[in-house]
């Protein structure tokens, strides 16, 4: 009987001590949820096949004991197109009453860029970039998933630029461009169409016949596509003539452009070169038309 009383007293004392320890570690009676203080992103290794995003997540642990990080579930979307997923780099444990930086590496699949591009153009050159996932903590008493879902940035571009006007010389004998305006046409998984409206002026008192006009579009020096007029175009004497042309951009080359864009600090030089062949007085002539140049800059990661 005496031995049983001693055992019971020991159990009661252990419960009291355990309760006190729990109170000291968790005054509220249970672990407090860690809080994300900040998330910063930067570009890492860029290759022909993948683009790395390095992410630092600063997490504060309000508890009196360290909390192990069990894992990270992390995906990145551009206009709802999943481009890749991330994982934590190395082991992580949140120190008691302190902050800890969790480092993630996200690999974007460059071959998904053409699929994203189609959504970007169809949405009027607008893209929302989001991350979705969970940070999984081991709270000892239970596992807790801290949800992450936020917009990194909104990317807005004007790749083709605005309508351009040019001065014409009445004393010249060559056909001249008065204005050029580009817009997006049909967009498919394979090609992106650029529609061009060009107003040509003929300063001569006789008709000029344009045999062909050739367009080529370059992005950071990469030839992305071309276009060629298929019919002879008549320019009436001392008159303006509107000409419509189509240029096809090859979507298969977009992943190459993407790599150049990131390596160039998210900056792209867009250039459309045009060559015109015309006949006048029975002779054929070739002239270079004004090159159309634009600069596209993005901030995909939202300032890091």
Protein backbone atom coordinates (compact mmCIF):
# COMPACT_ATOMS: atom_id res chain seq x y z
CA UNK A 1 0.00 0.00 0.00
CA UNK A 2 2.82 2.37 0.94
CA UNK A 3 4.60 1.55 -2.37
CA UNK A 4 1.48 2.35 -4.36
CA UNK A 5 1.17 5.74 -2.62
CA UNK A 6 4.78 6.55 -3.51
CA UNK A 7 4.18 5.64 -7.19
CA UNK A 8 0.99 7.74 -7.31
CA UNK A 9 2.80 10.70 -5.76
CA UNK A 10 5.54 10.36 -8.38
CA UNK A 11 2.99 10.39 -11.20
CA UNK A 12 1.27 13.50 -9.80
CA UNK A 13 4.64 15.26 -9.46
CA UNK A 14 5.56 14.35 -13.06
CA UNK A 15 2.25 15.74 -14.33
CA UNK A 16 2.79 18.96 -12.38
CA UNK A 17 6.33 19.33 -13.73
CA UNK A 18 5.17 18.57 -17.31
CA UNK A 19 2.39 21.12 -17.00
CA UNK A 20 4.85 23.72 -15.78
CA UNK A 21 7.22 22.99 -18.66
CA UNK A 22 4.41 23.29 -21.20
CA UNK A 23 3.38 26.60 -19.64
CA UNK A 24 6.93 27.93 -19.77
CA UNK A 25 7.43 26.84 -23.38
CA UNK A 26 3.90 27.64 -24.58
CA UNK A 27 2.20 30.19 -22.23
CA UNK A 28 -0.94 30.03 -24.34
CA UNK A 29 -1.09 26.27 -23.82
CA UNK A 30 -0.07 25.38 -27.37
CA UNK A 31 2.65 26.38 -29.86
CA UNK A 32 2.19 29.72 -31.61
CA UNK A 33 2.24 29.69 -35.38
CA UNK A 34 5.48 31.01 -36.94
CA UNK A 35 5.05 34.23 -38.93
CA UNK A 36 6.48 35.03 -42.36
CA UNK A 37 8.18 38.41 -42.18
CA UNK A 38 9.37 38.82 -45.76
CA UNK A 39 9.90 37.05 -49.08
CA UNK A 40 12.59 38.20 -51.56
CA UNK A 41 13.42 36.76 -54.97
CA UNK A 42 16.33 36.99 -57.40
CA UNK A 43 17.44 35.21 -60.55
CA UNK A 44 19.96 32.41 -60.14
CA UNK A 45 21.50 30.17 -62.78
CA UNK A 46 20.05 30.68 -66.27
CA UNK A 47 20.59 27.88 -68.80
CA UNK A 48 19.10 26.96 -72.16
CA UNK A 49 16.59 24.64 -70.46
CA UNK A 50 15.90 26.13 -67.01
CA UNK A 51 15.73 29.47 -65.23
CA UNK A 52 16.41 29.43 -61.49
CA UNK A 53 14.67 31.71 -59.00
CA UNK A 54 16.36 32.02 -55.61
CA UNK A 55 13.93 32.85 -52.81
CA UNK A 56 14.69 33.88 -49.22
CA UNK A 57 11.80 33.61 -46.75
CA UNK A 58 12.35 35.19 -43.33
CA UNK A 59 10.24 33.42 -40.67
CA UNK A 60 9.85 34.44 -37.01
CA UNK A 61 9.38 31.79 -34.31
CA UNK A 62 7.57 33.26 -31.25
CA UNK A 63 7.96 30.04 -29.22
CA UNK A 64 10.58 29.18 -26.58
CA UNK A 65 11.75 26.05 -28.42
CA UNK A 66 13.16 25.53 -31.92
CA UNK A 67 10.70 24.36 -34.56
CA UNK A 68 11.94 22.05 -37.32
CA UNK A 69 10.92 22.72 -40.91
CA UNK A 70 9.61 19.51 -42.46
CA UNK A 71 9.46 20.71 -46.04
CA UNK A 72 8.22 23.20 -48.62
CA UNK A 73 5.56 22.84 -51.33
CA UNK A 74 6.03 25.66 -53.79
CA UNK A 75 4.90 26.40 -57.37
CA UNK A 76 5.11 29.45 -59.61
CA UNK A 77 2.50 30.46 -62.19
CA UNK A 78 2.47 33.03 -64.98
CA UNK A 79 -1.12 33.68 -66.08
CA UNK A 80 -2.08 30.35 -64.47
CA UNK A 81 0.52 28.50 -66.56
CA UNK A 82 2.63 26.46 -64.15
CA UNK A 83 6.26 27.09 -65.04
CA UNK A 84 7.97 25.23 -62.23
CA UNK A 85 8.17 24.20 -58.59
CA UNK A 86 10.57 24.89 -55.74
CA UNK A 87 12.27 23.13 -52.86
CA UNK A 88 14.15 24.14 -49.73
CA UNK A 89 17.93 24.23 -49.83
CA UNK A 90 19.49 22.44 -46.84
CA UNK A 91 17.95 21.65 -43.44
CA UNK A 92 16.12 24.33 -41.53
CA UNK A 93 15.05 24.79 -37.93
CA UNK A 94 13.54 27.98 -36.53
CA UNK A 95 15.47 29.15 -33.46
CA UNK A 96 13.45 30.00 -30.32
CA UNK A 97 12.27 33.60 -30.11
CA UNK A 98 14.07 34.50 -33.32
CA UNK A 99 14.04 34.79 -37.07
CA UNK A 100 15.41 32.33 -39.60
CA UNK A 101 15.86 32.59 -43.35
CA UNK A 102 14.60 29.67 -45.42
CA UNK A 103 16.27 29.47 -48.84
CA UNK A 104 14.37 28.03 -51.79
CA UNK A 105 15.39 27.20 -55.33
CA UNK A 106 12.72 27.23 -58.04
CA UNK A 107 13.44 25.85 -61.51
CA UNK A 108 11.35 27.35 -64.29
CA UNK A 109 11.04 25.18 -67.39
CA UNK A 110 12.01 27.33 -70.36
CA UNK A 111 10.03 25.16 -72.77
CA UNK A 112 6.85 26.40 -71.04
CA UNK A 113 7.59 29.98 -72.17
CA UNK A 114 5.76 29.64 -75.54
CA UNK A 115 2.64 28.49 -73.67
CA UNK A 116 2.86 31.49 -71.35
CA UNK A 117 3.53 33.85 -74.29
CA UNK A 118 0.21 32.94 -75.92
CA UNK A 119 -1.65 33.94 -72.74
CA UNK A 120 0.38 37.14 -72.43
CA UNK A 121 -0.47 38.33 -75.95
CA UNK A 122 -4.12 37.23 -75.76
CA UNK A 123 -4.54 39.19 -72.53
CA UNK A 124 -3.34 42.39 -74.14
CA UNK A 125 0.31 41.89 -73.10
CA UNK A 126 -0.60 41.47 -69.44
CA UNK A 127 0.72 38.81 -67.06
CA UNK A 128 0.15 38.14 -63.36
CA UNK A 129 2.93 36.14 -61.71
CA UNK A 130 1.95 34.24 -58.58
CA UNK A 131 3.44 31.76 -56.15
CA UNK A 132 1.36 29.13 -54.39
CA UNK A 133 2.39 26.57 -51.82
CA UNK A 134 2.94 25.68 -48.18
CA UNK A 135 5.71 25.76 -45.61
CA UNK A 136 5.33 22.67 -43.43
CA UNK A 137 6.36 23.03 -39.77
CA UNK A 138 6.72 20.32 -37.13
CA UNK A 139 5.02 21.79 -34.04
CA UNK A 140 5.61 18.56 -32.08
CA UNK A 141 1.98 18.33 -31.07
CA UNK A 142 0.88 18.56 -34.67
CA UNK A 143 2.05 19.31 -38.19
CA UNK A 144 1.17 22.75 -39.55
CA UNK A 145 1.09 23.96 -43.13
CA UNK A 146 1.63 27.70 -43.53
CA UNK A 147 -0.02 28.62 -46.86
CA UNK A 148 1.81 30.88 -49.28
CA UNK A 149 -0.17 32.51 -52.07
CA UNK A 150 0.78 35.92 -53.30
CA UNK A 151 1.32 37.88 -56.47
CA UNK A 152 4.96 38.61 -57.20
CA UNK A 153 4.30 41.18 -59.89
CA UNK A 154 2.15 42.24 -62.78
CA UNK A 155 4.03 42.38 -66.08
CA UNK A 156 2.77 44.88 -68.63
CA UNK A 157 4.50 45.29 -71.99
CA UNK A 158 4.14 47.17 -75.27
CA UNK A 159 6.35 45.06 -77.50
CA UNK A 160 5.28 46.51 -80.86
CA UNK A 161 5.20 50.11 -79.70
CA UNK A 162 2.91 52.85 -80.96
CA UNK A 163 2.16 54.19 -84.43
CA UNK A 164 5.16 55.93 -86.02
CA UNK A 165 5.05 58.81 -88.46
CA UNK A 166 7.83 59.94 -90.79
CA UNK A 167 8.65 63.05 -92.78
CA UNK A 168 8.39 62.64 -96.56
CA UNK A 169 10.50 64.45 -99.15
CA UNK A 170 8.61 65.65 -102.22
CA UNK A 171 11.86 66.06 -104.14
CA UNK A 172 12.89 62.41 -103.73
CA UNK A 173 12.34 59.88 -106.51
CA UNK A 174 11.90 56.93 -104.14
CA UNK A 175 8.68 55.72 -102.50
CA UNK A 176 8.64 56.75 -98.87
CA UNK A 177 7.02 55.59 -95.66
CA UNK A 178 4.61 58.11 -94.16
CA UNK A 179 3.50 55.96 -91.21
CA UNK A 180 3.74 52.45 -89.77
CA UNK A 181 1.43 50.86 -87.22
CA UNK A 182 1.79 47.30 -85.87
CA UNK A 183 -0.74 45.20 -83.97
CA UNK A 184 -1.11 41.58 -82.90
CA UNK A 185 -3.12 39.28 -85.11
CA UNK A 186 -3.89 35.60 -84.69
CA UNK A 187 -2.04 33.84 -81.87
CA UNK A 188 -1.68 30.05 -81.85
CA UNK A 189 0.55 27.58 -80.03
CA UNK A 190 2.94 27.66 -83.01
CA UNK A 191 2.88 31.19 -84.36
CA UNK A 192 2.15 34.78 -83.42
CA UNK A 193 0.96 37.06 -86.20
CA UNK A 194 1.97 40.71 -86.45
CA UNK A 195 -0.27 42.85 -88.64
CA UNK A 196 1.31 45.94 -90.15
CA UNK A 197 -0.45 48.91 -91.70
CA UNK A 198 1.98 50.98 -93.71
CA UNK A 199 1.17 54.19 -95.57
CA UNK A 200 3.53 54.70 -98.54
CA UNK A 201 3.90 57.97 -100.45
CA UNK A 202 4.83 58.12 -104.13
CA UNK A 203 6.45 61.51 -104.90
CA UNK A 204 6.80 60.82 -108.62
CA UNK A 205 4.36 61.94 -111.33
CA UNK A 206 4.23 58.33 -112.59
CA UNK A 207 3.05 55.10 -110.94
CA UNK A 208 5.44 52.96 -108.91
CA UNK A 209 4.96 49.21 -108.64
CA UNK A 210 6.12 47.51 -105.46
CA UNK A 211 7.15 43.96 -106.30
CA UNK A 212 7.65 42.78 -102.73
CA UNK A 213 8.18 43.93 -99.16
CA UNK A 214 10.10 41.73 -96.77
CA UNK A 215 9.85 42.01 -92.98
CA UNK A 216 12.10 40.40 -90.36
CA UNK A 217 11.64 40.71 -86.61
CA UNK A 218 14.52 40.37 -84.13
CA UNK A 219 14.43 40.21 -80.34
CA UNK A 220 17.84 40.70 -78.71
CA UNK A 221 19.40 39.85 -82.06
CA UNK A 222 17.48 36.56 -82.39
CA UNK A 223 15.58 36.29 -85.67
CA UNK A 224 12.08 35.46 -84.49
CA UNK A 225 10.14 35.50 -87.76
CA UNK A 226 9.54 37.10 -91.15
CA UNK A 227 6.88 38.21 -93.59
CA UNK A 228 6.70 38.76 -97.35
CA UNK A 229 4.09 40.54 -99.46
CA UNK A 230 2.74 38.24 -102.15
CA UNK A 231 1.16 40.63 -104.67
CA UNK A 232 2.36 43.59 -106.70
CA UNK A 233 1.25 46.86 -105.08
CA UNK A 234 0.46 49.96 -107.14
CA UNK A 235 1.46 53.35 -105.78
CA UNK A 236 -0.45 56.04 -107.63
CA UNK A 237 1.42 59.22 -108.66
CA UNK A 238 1.92 61.77 -105.88
CA UNK A 239 -0.49 59.91 -103.61
CA UNK A 240 -0.62 57.93 -100.36
CA UNK A 241 -1.36 54.20 -100.46
CA UNK A 242 -2.16 52.02 -97.43
CA UNK A 243 -0.48 48.63 -97.46
CA UNK A 244 -1.29 45.70 -95.16
CA UNK A 245 1.38 43.11 -94.32
CA UNK A 246 1.57 40.07 -92.04
CA UNK A 247 4.66 38.84 -90.21
CA UNK A 248 4.74 35.45 -88.47
CA UNK A 249 6.71 35.11 -85.28
CA UNK A 250 7.90 31.55 -84.60
CA UNK A 251 6.85 30.60 -81.04
CA UNK A 252 9.42 27.79 -80.95
CA UNK A 253 12.13 30.44 -80.64
CA UNK A 254 10.58 32.09 -77.61
CA UNK A 255 12.50 30.00 -75.07
CA UNK A 256 15.77 31.20 -76.68
CA UNK A 257 14.53 34.78 -76.45
CA UNK A 258 13.54 34.23 -72.79
CA UNK A 259 17.10 33.23 -71.87
CA UNK A 260 18.49 36.32 -73.62
CA UNK A 261 15.91 38.51 -71.88
CA UNK A 262 16.88 37.32 -68.40
CA UNK A 263 20.60 37.40 -69.07
CA UNK A 264 20.20 40.95 -70.33
CA UNK A 265 18.69 42.10 -67.03
CA UNK A 266 15.07 41.55 -68.18
CA UNK A 267 15.60 43.85 -71.12
CA UNK A 268 14.84 43.16 -74.79
CA UNK A 269 15.60 45.18 -77.91
CA UNK A 270 12.88 44.58 -80.50
CA UNK A 271 13.67 45.46 -84.10
CA UNK A 272 11.64 45.02 -87.28
CA UNK A 273 13.67 45.40 -90.46
CA UNK A 274 11.98 45.93 -93.81
CA UNK A 275 13.21 45.84 -97.39
CA UNK A 276 11.23 47.04 -100.38
CA UNK A 277 11.72 46.15 -104.06
CA UNK A 278 9.94 48.37 -106.59
CA UNK A 279 9.84 49.10 -110.32
CA UNK A 280 9.82 52.52 -111.93
CA UNK A 281 10.32 53.38 -115.61
CA UNK A 282 10.97 49.73 -116.32
CA UNK A 283 13.82 49.41 -113.79
CA UNK A 284 13.94 47.51 -110.50
CA UNK A 285 15.23 49.12 -107.28
CA UNK A 286 15.76 47.92 -103.70
CA UNK A 287 15.58 50.21 -100.66
CA UNK A 288 15.75 49.73 -96.90
CA UNK A 289 12.71 51.05 -95.05
CA UNK A 290 13.04 52.71 -91.62
CA UNK A 291 13.79 50.08 -88.97
CA UNK A 292 11.22 49.93 -86.19
CA UNK A 293 12.91 49.72 -82.81
CA UNK A 294 11.42 49.23 -79.36
CA UNK A 295 12.83 48.39 -75.93
CA UNK A 296 10.93 46.05 -73.62
CA UNK A 297 11.77 45.91 -69.92
CA UNK A 298 10.15 43.75 -67.25
CA UNK A 299 10.37 43.22 -63.50
CA UNK A 300 9.09 39.67 -63.28
CA UNK A 301 10.12 39.06 -59.67
CA UNK A 302 8.67 42.34 -58.46
CA UNK A 303 11.88 44.05 -57.44
CA UNK A 304 13.37 40.93 -55.87
